[in-house]
Amino acid sequence: MGLLADLPEAAHRYLENAIAPETRPASAVRLRMHGEIRLKRWCPFSPDIV
């Protein structure tokens, strides 16, 4: 895969085996996160970005 050429060898090997041949890369993704972040004390967060 041409997209993997510039990656470190370990990442290249992993992705080459994890992605089926001829799979087209995604043009976008949607992520949802929640958890805690430390800002002097631990504060919950749950960004509602759509």
N, C-alpha and C. Protein backbone atom coordinates (compact mmCIF):
# COMPACT_ATOMS: atom_id res chain seq x y z
N MET A 1 0.84 -1.20 0.00
CA MET A 1 0.00 0.00 0.00
C MET A 1 0.87 1.24 0.00
N GLY A 2 0.58 2.16 -0.87
CA GLY A 2 1.35 3.38 -0.93
C GLY A 2 1.19 4.26 0.29
N LEU A 3 0.01 4.22 0.93
CA LEU A 3 -0.23 5.06 2.10
C LEU A 3 0.61 4.63 3.30
N LEU A 4 1.06 3.39 3.31
CA LEU A 4 1.81 2.87 4.45
C LEU A 4 3.32 3.05 4.29
N ALA A 5 3.76 3.49 3.14
CA ALA A 5 5.19 3.52 2.83
C ALA A 5 6.01 4.35 3.82
N ASP A 6 5.48 5.45 4.31
CA ASP A 6 6.25 6.34 5.18
C ASP A 6 6.12 6.01 6.66
N LEU A 7 5.39 4.96 7.01
CA LEU A 7 5.22 4.60 8.42
C LEU A 7 6.40 3.80 8.94
N PRO A 8 6.60 3.81 10.27
CA PRO A 8 7.63 2.93 10.84
C PRO A 8 7.31 1.47 10.51
N GLU A 9 8.34 0.64 10.45
CA GLU A 9 8.18 -0.76 10.02
C GLU A 9 7.12 -1.51 10.82
N ALA A 10 7.10 -1.35 12.14
CA ALA A 10 6.13 -2.08 12.97
C ALA A 10 4.69 -1.66 12.63
N ALA A 11 4.45 -0.36 12.46
CA ALA A 11 3.11 0.13 12.10
C ALA A 11 2.72 -0.35 10.71
N HIS A 12 3.68 -0.32 9.79
CA HIS A 12 3.44 -0.79 8.42
C HIS A 12 3.01 -2.26 8.43
N ARG A 13 3.76 -3.10 9.15
CA ARG A 13 3.44 -4.54 9.22
C ARG A 13 2.07 -4.76 9.81
N TYR A 14 1.77 -4.07 10.91
CA TYR A 14 0.48 -4.25 11.58
C TYR A 14 -0.68 -3.87 10.63
N LEU A 15 -0.61 -2.69 10.05
CA LEU A 15 -1.71 -2.23 9.20
C LEU A 15 -1.82 -3.05 7.92
N GLU A 16 -0.71 -3.51 7.40
CA GLU A 16 -0.74 -4.34 6.19
C GLU A 16 -1.50 -5.64 6.44
N ASN A 17 -1.39 -6.16 7.67
CA ASN A 17 -2.10 -7.39 8.02
C ASN A 17 -3.51 -7.13 8.55
N ALA A 18 -3.78 -5.94 9.08
CA ALA A 18 -5.07 -5.64 9.67
C ALA A 18 -6.10 -5.15 8.64
N ILE A 19 -5.62 -4.63 7.52
CA ILE A 19 -6.52 -4.07 6.50
C ILE A 19 -6.53 -4.99 5.29
N ALA A 20 -7.71 -5.39 4.87
CA ALA A 20 -7.83 -6.27 3.71
C ALA A 20 -7.29 -5.58 2.45
N PRO A 21 -6.66 -6.36 1.57
CA PRO A 21 -6.16 -5.79 0.31
C PRO A 21 -7.29 -5.11 -0.46
N GLU A 22 -6.95 -4.03 -1.13
CA GLU A 22 -7.88 -3.26 -1.97
C GLU A 22 -8.93 -2.49 -1.17
N THR A 23 -8.79 -2.41 0.15
CA THR A 23 -9.72 -1.62 0.97
C THR A 23 -9.41 -0.15 0.77
N ARG A 24 -10.43 0.62 0.44
CA ARG A 24 -10.25 2.06 0.26
C ARG A 24 -10.23 2.74 1.61
N PRO A 25 -9.35 3.74 1.80
CA PRO A 25 -9.32 4.45 3.08
C PRO A 25 -10.58 5.28 3.28
N ALA A 26 -10.99 5.42 4.53
CA ALA A 26 -12.17 6.23 4.86
C ALA A 26 -11.87 7.70 4.57
N SER A 27 -12.87 8.43 4.13
CA SER A 27 -12.67 9.86 3.87
C SER A 27 -12.99 10.69 5.11
N ALA A 28 -13.68 10.08 6.10
CA ALA A 28 -14.02 10.79 7.34
C ALA A 28 -14.35 9.78 8.42
N VAL A 29 -14.27 10.23 9.66
CA VAL A 29 -14.66 9.40 10.80
C VAL A 29 -15.44 10.26 11.78
N ARG A 30 -16.23 9.64 12.61
CA ARG A 30 -16.94 10.35 13.68
C ARG A 30 -16.54 9.67 14.99
N LEU A 31 -15.98 10.45 15.90
CA LEU A 31 -15.53 9.92 17.18
C LEU A 31 -16.39 10.46 18.31
N ARG A 32 -16.61 9.64 19.31
CA ARG A 32 -17.32 10.06 20.51
C ARG A 32 -16.44 9.72 21.70
N MET A 33 -16.22 10.69 22.59
CA MET A 33 -15.33 10.48 23.73
C MET A 33 -16.05 10.83 25.02
N HIS A 34 -15.59 10.22 26.10
CA HIS A 34 -16.02 10.62 27.43
C HIS A 34 -14.97 10.15 28.41
N GLY A 35 -14.94 10.73 29.57
CA GLY A 35 -13.95 10.33 30.56
C GLY A 35 -13.69 11.43 31.55
N GLU A 36 -12.43 11.53 31.97
CA GLU A 36 -12.02 12.57 32.90
C GLU A 36 -10.74 13.20 32.40
N ILE A 37 -10.57 14.48 32.74
CA ILE A 37 -9.37 15.20 32.39
C ILE A 37 -8.91 15.94 33.64
N ARG A 38 -7.60 16.01 33.83
CA ARG A 38 -7.09 16.65 35.04
C ARG A 38 -6.74 18.12 34.76
N LEU A 39 -7.50 19.00 35.39
CA LEU A 39 -7.27 20.44 35.35
C LEU A 39 -7.18 20.92 36.79
N LYS A 40 -6.04 20.71 37.42
CA LYS A 40 -5.78 20.90 38.84
C LYS A 40 -6.52 19.86 39.67
N ARG A 41 -7.69 19.43 39.25
CA ARG A 41 -8.42 18.31 39.86
C ARG A 41 -9.06 17.53 38.71
N TRP A 42 -9.51 16.32 38.97
CA TRP A 42 -10.11 15.50 37.92
C TRP A 42 -11.53 15.99 37.64
N CYS A 43 -11.80 16.31 36.40
CA CYS A 43 -13.11 16.80 35.98
C CYS A 43 -13.66 15.89 34.89
N PRO A 44 -14.95 15.55 34.98
CA PRO A 44 -15.53 14.73 33.91
C PRO A 44 -15.67 15.56 32.62
N PHE A 45 -15.61 14.90 31.50
CA PHE A 45 -15.90 15.58 30.24
C PHE A 45 -16.65 14.64 29.31
N SER A 46 -17.46 15.24 28.49
CA SER A 46 -18.22 14.51 27.48
C SER A 46 -18.58 15.50 26.39
N PRO A 47 -17.62 15.80 25.50
CA PRO A 47 -17.89 16.78 24.46
C PRO A 47 -19.01 16.32 23.53
N ASP A 48 -19.96 17.19 23.29
CA ASP A 48 -21.09 16.89 22.40
C ASP A 48 -20.90 17.62 21.09
N ILE A 49 -19.86 17.25 20.36
CA ILE A 49 -19.56 17.87 19.07
C ILE A 49 -20.17 17.00 17.97
N VAL A 50 -21.00 17.58 17.16
CA VAL A 50 -21.63 16.82 16.07
C VAL A 50 -21.25 17.44 14.76
